[in-house]
Amino acid sequence: MASSSGRSLLATIVGWIIVALIVWFFFGWILGTLRFILRIVIILVVIGALASLYFKLRGDD
């Protein structure tokens, strides 16, 4: 009977480790995606600002 209780405890620990790994992977994927989207938005805003400044300065000639 003692080995059954030990296996149950070990199964619980292994189950929680699996859940923790899945959550870690999923959370990392979500954060990576959000960082990628934020980086793209910042790059587009900077390019847009530089292009508008370029055309504004060039138009005065």
Protein backbone atom coordinates (compact mmCIF):
# COMPACT_ATOMS: atom_id res chain seq x y z
CA MET A 1 0.00 0.00 0.00
CA ALA A 2 2.91 2.36 0.65
CA SER A 3 4.23 2.04 -2.90
CA SER A 4 0.82 2.98 -4.31
CA SER A 5 0.82 6.17 -2.26
CA GLY A 6 4.39 6.95 -3.38
CA ARG A 7 3.51 6.43 -7.04
CA SER A 8 0.47 8.66 -6.64
CA LEU A 9 2.62 11.42 -5.16
CA LEU A 10 5.22 10.99 -7.90
CA ALA A 11 2.49 11.08 -10.58
CA THR A 12 1.17 14.32 -9.09
CA ILE A 13 4.64 15.90 -9.11
CA VAL A 14 5.31 14.80 -12.70
CA GLY A 15 1.89 16.13 -13.73
CA TRP A 16 2.62 19.55 -12.21
CA ILE A 17 6.02 19.65 -13.92
CA ILE A 18 4.35 18.94 -17.27
CA VAL A 19 1.79 21.69 -16.65
CA ALA A 20 4.55 24.13 -15.60
CA LEU A 21 6.54 23.40 -18.78
CA ILE A 22 3.49 23.89 -20.99
CA VAL A 23 2.61 27.17 -19.25
CA TRP A 24 6.23 28.38 -19.50
CA PHE A 25 6.37 27.56 -23.22
CA PHE A 26 2.97 29.13 -23.95
CA PHE A 27 3.71 32.26 -21.89
CA GLY A 28 7.07 32.64 -23.62
CA TRP A 29 5.38 32.29 -27.00
CA ILE A 30 2.82 34.97 -26.11
CA LEU A 31 5.49 37.37 -24.83
CA GLY A 32 7.65 36.75 -27.89
CA THR A 33 4.74 37.47 -30.19
CA LEU A 34 3.85 40.67 -28.36
CA ARG A 35 7.47 41.86 -28.46
CA PHE A 36 7.62 41.13 -32.18
CA ILE A 37 4.41 43.09 -32.86
CA LEU A 38 5.60 46.00 -30.70
CA ARG A 39 8.96 46.04 -32.49
CA ILE A 40 7.27 46.11 -35.92
CA VAL A 41 4.96 48.96 -34.85
CA ILE A 42 7.89 51.00 -33.51
CA ILE A 43 9.89 50.44 -36.71
CA LEU A 44 6.93 51.49 -38.88
CA VAL A 45 6.34 54.62 -36.78
CA VAL A 46 10.02 55.62 -36.99
CA ILE A 47 10.13 55.01 -40.75
CA GLY A 48 6.91 57.00 -41.19
CA ALA A 49 8.23 59.89 -39.10
CA LEU A 50 11.52 59.95 -41.00
CA ALA A 51 9.74 59.79 -44.37
CA SER A 52 7.39 62.62 -43.44
CA LEU A 53 10.32 64.71 -42.20
CA TYR A 54 12.21 63.95 -45.41
CA PHE A 55 9.32 65.04 -47.63
CA LYS A 56 8.68 68.12 -45.49
CA LEU A 57 12.32 69.22 -45.73
CA ARG A 58 12.58 68.34 -49.41
CA GLY A 59 9.40 70.22 -50.34
CA ASP A 60 10.83 73.60 -49.33
CA ASP A 61 13.34 73.64 -52.22
